[in-house]
Each structure stands twice: as structure tokens, then as C-alpha cells.
């Protein structure tokens, strides 16, 4: 199953790794990103994890949580598109609408 990671999500993954490395070291950063990747890779076959966003402006966007981050994605034809990954303390609605 193909997973497409859009540029905003790709940037967030790099930022998350760097932030975690600076705070907790490279080993912990690698562990966290590996877990994030495993969560993303398991999404397509684990629909009970999917939650639909209740906002008409964000129709068709789902999310799931991995530790302190929310993973936002769309179902594509036979795959999933990861559109963004945001920390729980961010202004999530605003960032999603601006794709920031």
C-alpha cells in the first residue's frame, strides 16, 4: 500500500526529529520517528484508528494520534495521503486550514 507524504508533513517529520534530538538525544529522536512511521504505515489497514474532522472546511480529512502528535490524512484511491503532523499544543484548526 502506497503512502504519500505531502511536503508540509515531510517538513514536520524533520522538525520533530530535530526538536527531539536537541531535547532528548539522537537515540530518542530515532525511536520517536520510528514509532510515528509505524503508526503511519499501519493506518490503511486499521480503520478503527481513523477519526473524521468535524469541520465542513476540512471535509474528507481524518486524523489519528501518535503520542503528542496528531497525524492528518486523506484516503486516496488505494492509499493514504499524509497532509500534516501537528503537536497537540499547536493551534490545530488554524494550521490545518492554512496548511501550515
N, C-alpha and C. Protein backbone atom coordinates (compact mmCIF):
# COMPACT_ATOMS: atom_id res chain seq x y z
N UNK A 1 0.84 -1.18 0.00
CA UNK A 1 0.00 0.00 0.00
C UNK A 1 0.89 1.24 0.00
N UNK A 2 0.54 2.14 -0.87
CA UNK A 2 1.32 3.37 -1.03
C UNK A 2 0.88 4.42 -0.01
N UNK A 3 1.84 5.07 0.58
CA UNK A 3 1.56 6.20 1.46
C UNK A 3 2.27 7.40 0.86
N UNK A 4 1.49 8.44 0.57
CA UNK A 4 2.07 9.66 0.04
C UNK A 4 2.21 10.64 1.20
N UNK A 5 3.40 11.18 1.36
CA UNK A 5 3.64 12.16 2.42
C UNK A 5 3.85 13.51 1.74
N UNK A 6 2.89 14.40 1.95
CA UNK A 6 2.93 15.72 1.33
C UNK A 6 4.00 16.60 1.99
N UNK A 7 4.48 17.62 1.28
CA UNK A 7 5.58 18.46 1.80
C UNK A 7 5.38 19.01 3.22
N UNK A 8 4.19 19.51 3.61
CA UNK A 8 4.07 20.00 5.00
C UNK A 8 4.33 18.89 6.03
N UNK A 9 3.84 17.69 5.76
CA UNK A 9 4.06 16.57 6.68
C UNK A 9 5.53 16.16 6.69
N UNK A 10 6.15 16.14 5.53
CA UNK A 10 7.58 15.79 5.43
C UNK A 10 8.43 16.79 6.25
N UNK A 11 8.09 18.07 6.13
CA UNK A 11 8.81 19.09 6.91
C UNK A 11 8.61 18.88 8.41
N UNK A 12 7.39 18.55 8.80
CA UNK A 12 7.11 18.34 10.23
C UNK A 12 7.91 17.15 10.78
N UNK A 13 8.02 16.09 9.99
CA UNK A 13 8.78 14.93 10.45
C UNK A 13 10.22 15.33 10.74
N UNK A 14 10.80 16.10 9.84
CA UNK A 14 12.18 16.58 10.04
C UNK A 14 12.27 17.47 11.28
N UNK A 15 11.29 18.37 11.45
CA UNK A 15 11.28 19.27 12.61
C UNK A 15 11.13 18.49 13.91
N UNK A 16 10.25 17.50 13.91
CA UNK A 16 10.02 16.68 15.11
C UNK A 16 11.31 15.95 15.49
N UNK A 17 11.97 15.37 14.48
CA UNK A 17 13.22 14.65 14.76
C UNK A 17 14.25 15.60 15.35
N UNK A 18 14.42 16.76 14.72
CA UNK A 18 15.44 17.72 15.18
C UNK A 18 15.13 18.22 16.60
N UNK A 19 13.87 18.55 16.85
CA UNK A 19 13.47 19.03 18.17
C UNK A 19 13.74 17.96 19.23
N UNK A 20 13.33 16.73 18.93
CA UNK A 20 13.51 15.63 19.88
C UNK A 20 14.99 15.35 20.10
N UNK A 21 15.78 15.40 19.04
CA UNK A 21 17.23 15.20 19.15
C UNK A 21 17.85 16.26 20.05
N UNK A 22 17.47 17.51 19.84
CA UNK A 22 18.03 18.60 20.64
C UNK A 22 17.66 18.48 22.12
N UNK A 23 16.46 18.00 22.38
CA UNK A 23 15.97 17.91 23.75
C UNK A 23 16.37 16.61 24.46
N UNK A 24 16.32 15.48 23.71
CA UNK A 24 16.48 14.17 24.34
C UNK A 24 17.59 13.30 23.73
N UNK A 25 18.22 13.77 22.67
CA UNK A 25 19.29 12.99 22.04
C UNK A 25 18.83 12.25 20.80
N UNK A 26 19.82 11.84 20.01
CA UNK A 26 19.53 11.20 18.73
C UNK A 26 18.81 9.87 18.88
N UNK A 27 19.18 9.08 19.87
CA UNK A 27 18.54 7.78 20.06
C UNK A 27 17.04 7.94 20.28
N UNK A 28 16.66 8.86 21.15
CA UNK A 28 15.24 9.08 21.43
C UNK A 28 14.53 9.65 20.20
N UNK A 29 15.20 10.53 19.46
CA UNK A 29 14.61 11.08 18.23
C UNK A 29 14.34 9.97 17.23
N UNK A 30 15.30 9.05 17.08
CA UNK A 30 15.12 7.93 16.16
C UNK A 30 13.97 7.04 16.60
N UNK A 31 13.87 6.77 17.89
CA UNK A 31 12.79 5.93 18.42
C UNK A 31 11.43 6.59 18.16
N UNK A 32 11.33 7.88 18.43
CA UNK A 32 10.05 8.58 18.25
C UNK A 32 9.63 8.59 16.79
N UNK A 33 10.55 8.89 15.89
CA UNK A 33 10.23 8.94 14.46
C UNK A 33 9.90 7.55 13.94
N UNK A 34 10.58 6.53 14.44
CA UNK A 34 10.26 5.16 14.04
C UNK A 34 8.83 4.81 14.45
N UNK A 35 8.45 5.17 15.67
CA UNK A 35 7.08 4.91 16.13
C UNK A 35 6.05 5.68 15.33
N UNK A 36 6.38 6.92 14.99
CA UNK A 36 5.50 7.73 14.15
C UNK A 36 5.32 7.06 12.79
N UNK A 37 6.42 6.59 12.21
CA UNK A 37 6.37 5.90 10.92
C UNK A 37 5.56 4.62 10.98
N UNK A 38 5.71 3.86 12.05
CA UNK A 38 4.93 2.62 12.21
C UNK A 38 3.44 2.93 12.31
N UNK A 39 3.10 4.00 13.01
CA UNK A 39 1.70 4.40 13.10
C UNK A 39 1.16 4.77 11.73
N UNK A 40 1.92 5.56 10.98
CA UNK A 40 1.50 5.96 9.63
C UNK A 40 1.35 4.73 8.74
N UNK A 41 2.33 3.82 8.77
CA UNK A 41 2.28 2.63 7.92
C UNK A 41 1.12 1.71 8.26
N UNK A 42 0.66 1.73 9.50
CA UNK A 42 -0.43 0.86 9.90
C UNK A 42 -1.82 1.45 9.71
N UNK A 43 -1.91 2.70 9.29
CA UNK A 43 -3.20 3.38 9.21
C UNK A 43 -4.17 2.74 8.22
N UNK A 44 -3.71 2.42 7.03
CA UNK A 44 -4.62 1.97 5.97
C UNK A 44 -5.41 0.73 6.40
N UNK A 45 -4.75 -0.17 7.09
CA UNK A 45 -5.40 -1.42 7.50
C UNK A 45 -5.99 -1.37 8.90
N UNK A 46 -6.01 -0.21 9.52
CA UNK A 46 -6.51 -0.09 10.89
C UNK A 46 -7.51 1.06 11.00
N UNK A 47 -8.62 0.92 10.28
CA UNK A 47 -9.62 1.99 10.23
C UNK A 47 -10.19 2.39 11.59
N UNK A 48 -10.22 1.52 12.60
CA UNK A 48 -10.71 1.98 13.90
C UNK A 48 -9.90 3.15 14.48
N UNK A 49 -8.67 3.34 14.01
CA UNK A 49 -7.86 4.48 14.48
C UNK A 49 -8.26 5.79 13.82
N UNK A 50 -8.98 5.72 12.71
CA UNK A 50 -9.34 6.92 11.95
C UNK A 50 -10.42 7.71 12.67
N UNK A 51 -10.24 9.01 12.76
CA UNK A 51 -11.25 9.92 13.29
C UNK A 51 -11.48 11.00 12.24
N UNK A 52 -12.73 11.25 11.92
CA UNK A 52 -13.05 12.28 10.93
C UNK A 52 -13.09 13.65 11.60
N UNK A 53 -12.55 14.64 10.92
CA UNK A 53 -12.60 16.00 11.43
C UNK A 53 -14.01 16.55 11.22
N UNK A 54 -14.57 17.12 12.26
CA UNK A 54 -15.93 17.66 12.21
C UNK A 54 -15.90 19.13 11.84
N UNK A 55 -15.48 19.43 10.63
CA UNK A 55 -15.41 20.81 10.15
C UNK A 55 -15.67 20.77 8.65
N UNK A 56 -16.70 21.47 8.20
CA UNK A 56 -17.07 21.43 6.78
C UNK A 56 -15.97 21.95 5.86
N UNK A 57 -15.11 22.82 6.36
CA UNK A 57 -14.00 23.33 5.55
C UNK A 57 -12.89 22.29 5.38
N UNK A 58 -12.91 21.27 6.20
CA UNK A 58 -11.87 20.24 6.16
C UNK A 58 -12.47 18.88 5.84
N UNK A 59 -13.45 18.87 4.97
CA UNK A 59 -14.17 17.66 4.59
C UNK A 59 -13.20 16.62 4.00
N UNK A 60 -13.36 15.39 4.43
CA UNK A 60 -12.54 14.30 3.90
C UNK A 60 -11.20 14.14 4.56
N UNK A 61 -10.95 14.89 5.62
CA UNK A 61 -9.68 14.77 6.33
C UNK A 61 -9.91 13.97 7.62
N UNK A 62 -9.04 13.00 7.82
CA UNK A 62 -9.08 12.16 9.01
C UNK A 62 -7.84 12.46 9.85
N UNK A 63 -7.87 11.98 11.09
CA UNK A 63 -6.69 12.11 11.94
C UNK A 63 -6.59 10.92 12.87
N UNK A 64 -5.41 10.71 13.35
CA UNK A 64 -5.14 9.76 14.42
C UNK A 64 -4.04 10.38 15.27
N UNK A 65 -3.79 9.77 16.39
CA UNK A 65 -2.81 10.35 17.31
C UNK A 65 -1.64 9.38 17.50
N UNK A 66 -0.46 9.95 17.57
CA UNK A 66 0.72 9.21 18.00
C UNK A 66 1.38 10.02 19.11
N UNK A 67 1.36 9.52 20.30
CA UNK A 67 1.90 10.18 21.48
C UNK A 67 1.45 11.64 21.56
N UNK A 68 2.33 12.61 21.29
CA UNK A 68 1.97 14.03 21.42
C UNK A 68 1.65 14.69 20.09
N UNK A 69 1.49 13.91 19.04
CA UNK A 69 1.24 14.47 17.71
C UNK A 69 -0.02 13.89 17.09
N UNK A 70 -0.68 14.73 16.32
CA UNK A 70 -1.82 14.30 15.52
C UNK A 70 -1.37 14.17 14.07
N UNK A 71 -1.74 13.07 13.45
CA UNK A 71 -1.41 12.80 12.05
C UNK A 71 -2.69 13.04 11.25
N UNK A 72 -2.63 13.95 10.29
CA UNK A 72 -3.79 14.30 9.47
C UNK A 72 -3.59 13.73 8.07
N UNK A 73 -4.64 13.10 7.55
CA UNK A 73 -4.50 12.41 6.27
C UNK A 73 -5.83 12.34 5.52
N UNK A 74 -5.70 12.02 4.24
CA UNK A 74 -6.85 11.79 3.37
C UNK A 74 -6.75 10.38 2.82
N UNK A 75 -7.90 9.78 2.60
CA UNK A 75 -7.93 8.49 1.91
C UNK A 75 -7.88 8.77 0.41
N UNK A 76 -6.93 8.18 -0.26
CA UNK A 76 -6.80 8.30 -1.70
C UNK A 76 -7.23 6.96 -2.31
N UNK A 77 -7.20 6.86 -3.59
CA UNK A 77 -7.56 5.61 -4.26
C UNK A 77 -6.50 4.55 -3.97
N UNK A 78 -6.80 3.66 -3.04
CA UNK A 78 -5.88 2.59 -2.69
C UNK A 78 -4.69 3.01 -1.85
N UNK A 79 -4.73 4.20 -1.30
CA UNK A 79 -3.61 4.66 -0.48
C UNK A 79 -4.06 5.75 0.48
N UNK A 80 -3.10 6.29 1.19
CA UNK A 80 -3.36 7.37 2.14
C UNK A 80 -2.38 8.50 1.85
N UNK A 81 -2.87 9.73 1.94
CA UNK A 81 -2.02 10.91 1.79
C UNK A 81 -1.88 11.62 3.12
N UNK A 82 -0.69 11.65 3.66
CA UNK A 82 -0.42 12.32 4.94
C UNK A 82 -0.23 13.80 4.64
N UNK A 83 -1.16 14.63 5.14
CA UNK A 83 -1.12 16.05 4.78
C UNK A 83 -0.38 16.90 5.81
N UNK A 84 -0.40 16.48 7.08
CA UNK A 84 0.32 17.25 8.08
C UNK A 84 0.42 16.45 9.37
N UNK A 85 1.37 16.82 10.21
CA UNK A 85 1.56 16.22 11.52
C UNK A 85 1.77 17.39 12.48
N UNK A 86 0.87 17.51 13.45
CA UNK A 86 0.90 18.68 14.33
C UNK A 86 0.95 18.26 15.80
N UNK A 87 1.70 19.02 16.58
CA UNK A 87 1.81 18.78 18.02
C UNK A 87 0.49 19.15 18.69
N UNK A 88 0.17 18.44 19.76
CA UNK A 88 -1.09 18.65 20.46
C UNK A 88 -1.26 20.07 21.00
N UNK A 89 -0.17 20.80 21.22
CA UNK A 89 -0.27 22.15 21.76
C UNK A 89 -0.39 23.23 20.69
N UNK A 90 -0.34 22.85 19.42
CA UNK A 90 -0.45 23.83 18.34
C UNK A 90 -1.90 24.24 18.13
N UNK A 91 -2.10 25.36 17.47
CA UNK A 91 -3.44 25.79 17.06
C UNK A 91 -3.81 24.97 15.83
N UNK A 92 -4.32 23.78 16.07
CA UNK A 92 -4.53 22.81 15.00
C UNK A 92 -5.53 23.29 13.95
N UNK A 93 -6.72 23.77 14.29
CA UNK A 93 -7.65 24.19 13.24
C UNK A 93 -7.06 25.25 12.30
N UNK A 94 -6.41 26.23 12.87
CA UNK A 94 -5.82 27.30 12.06
C UNK A 94 -4.72 26.76 11.15
N UNK A 95 -3.86 25.93 11.68
CA UNK A 95 -2.75 25.39 10.88
C UNK A 95 -3.26 24.47 9.78
N UNK A 96 -4.29 23.70 10.05
CA UNK A 96 -4.83 22.83 9.00
C UNK A 96 -5.47 23.64 7.88
N UNK A 97 -6.22 24.64 8.24
CA UNK A 97 -6.90 25.45 7.22
C UNK A 97 -5.90 26.22 6.37
N UNK A 98 -4.78 26.59 6.95
CA UNK A 98 -3.74 27.32 6.22
C UNK A 98 -2.67 26.38 5.66
N UNK A 99 -2.84 25.07 5.94
CA UNK A 99 -1.87 24.04 5.55
C UNK A 99 -0.46 24.45 5.96
N UNK A 100 -0.37 24.91 7.20
CA UNK A 100 0.89 25.42 7.75
C UNK A 100 1.53 24.39 8.65
